[in-house]
């Protein structure tokens, strides 16, 4: 199989924080890409993210959530396979369309990287 290439996120630690997988610390996203901190995941608080890297997407499935039905796929760290959140693919609710193409990162599954 070969080595996996991981995208490295540079941040100066002052204006932006880099977030990584809590198990292997593979970079996933940056605080500059947070759209909202007011979300809940399966494990508790979560961030709505504009972009996430170094992930593998699972199978798309319809899921009932507090704000409606969504077509989503779970996202896992591509290095260790840790479940870190999900990606919104489609919303059936008109005022929730802004979530399409965005990601949820659950705070219990990520850490600050230096």
Protein backbone atom coordinates (compact mmCIF):
# COMPACT_ATOMS: atom_id res chain seq x y z
CA UNK A 1 0.00 0.00 0.00
CA UNK A 2 2.29 3.11 0.23
CA UNK A 3 2.49 6.09 2.46
CA UNK A 4 -0.47 8.37 2.95
CA UNK A 5 0.11 12.00 2.10
CA UNK A 6 -1.32 14.38 4.70
CA UNK A 7 -1.98 18.05 4.11
CA UNK A 8 -0.19 20.15 6.75
CA UNK A 9 -2.00 23.27 7.98
CA UNK A 10 0.27 26.14 8.97
CA UNK A 11 -0.95 28.52 11.64
CA UNK A 12 0.97 30.99 13.73
CA UNK A 13 -0.91 30.05 16.92
CA UNK A 14 -1.90 33.68 17.52
CA UNK A 15 -4.61 34.38 14.95
CA UNK A 16 -5.51 30.82 13.93
CA UNK A 17 -5.45 27.47 15.69
CA UNK A 18 -4.85 24.21 13.86
CA UNK A 19 -7.11 21.32 14.88
CA UNK A 20 -6.11 17.69 14.50
CA UNK A 21 -7.36 14.18 15.23
CA UNK A 22 -7.30 13.46 18.98
CA UNK A 23 -5.63 10.06 18.41
CA UNK A 24 -2.93 10.66 15.81
CA UNK A 25 -2.84 14.50 15.62
CA UNK A 26 -3.21 14.51 11.83
CA UNK A 27 -4.24 18.04 10.82
CA UNK A 28 -7.94 18.42 9.99
CA UNK A 29 -8.81 22.12 9.89
CA UNK A 30 -8.13 25.62 11.21
CA UNK A 31 -10.01 27.97 13.51
CA UNK A 32 -10.10 30.45 10.62
CA UNK A 33 -12.49 28.03 8.84
CA UNK A 34 -15.05 27.81 11.67
CA UNK A 35 -18.47 29.01 10.51
CA UNK A 36 -20.22 28.42 13.84
CA UNK A 37 -19.40 27.07 17.30
CA UNK A 38 -23.07 26.54 18.20
CA UNK A 39 -23.52 22.94 17.03
CA UNK A 40 -24.03 19.59 18.77
CA UNK A 41 -22.75 16.25 17.59
CA UNK A 42 -23.16 12.73 18.91
CA UNK A 43 -20.50 13.30 21.58
CA UNK A 44 -21.36 16.88 22.56
CA UNK A 45 -20.32 20.30 21.26
CA UNK A 46 -19.18 20.65 17.66
CA UNK A 47 -18.00 23.21 15.09
CA UNK A 48 -19.53 23.83 11.67
CA UNK A 49 -16.49 24.02 9.38
CA UNK A 50 -16.09 25.47 5.91
CA UNK A 51 -13.33 23.01 4.95
CA UNK A 52 -11.71 19.88 6.41
CA UNK A 53 -8.67 18.00 5.07
CA UNK A 54 -7.10 14.56 5.58
CA UNK A 55 -10.42 12.73 5.88
CA UNK A 56 -12.20 9.78 4.33
CA UNK A 57 -15.93 10.07 3.69
CA UNK A 58 -18.29 7.21 4.46
CA UNK A 59 -21.45 6.19 2.65
CA UNK A 60 -24.12 8.85 2.15
CA UNK A 61 -27.25 8.34 4.24
CA UNK A 62 -30.41 10.24 5.15
CA UNK A 63 -30.36 11.34 8.77
CA UNK A 64 -33.06 13.03 10.86
CA UNK A 65 -31.57 15.86 12.91
CA UNK A 66 -32.97 18.61 15.11
CA UNK A 67 -33.29 21.06 12.20
CA UNK A 68 -34.57 18.62 9.55
CA UNK A 69 -33.56 15.75 7.28
CA UNK A 70 -30.13 15.75 5.69
CA UNK A 71 -28.14 13.59 3.32
CA UNK A 72 -24.83 13.21 5.18
CA UNK A 73 -21.73 11.03 5.31
CA UNK A 74 -19.54 10.33 8.32
CA UNK A 75 -15.97 11.59 8.07
CA UNK A 76 -12.97 9.78 9.52
CA UNK A 77 -9.32 10.72 9.93
CA UNK A 78 -7.55 9.26 6.90
CA UNK A 79 -4.54 8.27 9.01
CA UNK A 80 -6.06 6.32 11.93
CA UNK A 81 -9.76 5.97 11.01
CA UNK A 82 -11.09 7.89 14.03
CA UNK A 83 -14.67 9.14 13.47
CA UNK A 84 -14.38 12.94 13.72
CA UNK A 85 -17.77 14.18 12.43
CA UNK A 86 -19.82 14.32 9.24
CA UNK A 87 -20.31 16.19 5.97
CA UNK A 88 -23.63 17.70 4.89
CA UNK A 89 -24.42 16.85 1.25
CA UNK A 90 -28.06 17.93 0.94
CA UNK A 91 -30.76 19.53 3.06
CA UNK A 92 -34.50 19.11 2.51
CA UNK A 93 -35.15 22.31 4.49
CA UNK A 94 -34.80 25.50 2.44
CA UNK A 95 -33.33 27.71 5.20
CA UNK A 96 -30.69 25.05 6.00
CA UNK A 97 -29.19 24.88 2.49
CA UNK A 98 -26.13 26.88 3.65
CA UNK A 99 -24.89 23.70 5.38
CA UNK A 100 -24.55 21.79 2.10
CA UNK A 101 -20.91 20.98 1.42
CA UNK A 102 -19.90 21.94 4.98
CA UNK A 103 -18.54 19.76 7.78
CA UNK A 104 -19.18 19.09 11.46
CA UNK A 105 -16.12 18.44 13.64
CA UNK A 106 -16.98 17.11 17.08
CA UNK A 107 -14.86 18.67 19.84
CA UNK A 108 -14.40 15.34 21.66
CA UNK A 109 -12.61 13.96 18.58
CA UNK A 110 -10.16 16.80 17.91
CA UNK A 111 -7.23 18.54 19.65
CA UNK A 112 -5.30 21.76 19.21
CA UNK A 113 -2.05 21.15 17.36
CA UNK A 114 1.07 23.26 17.85
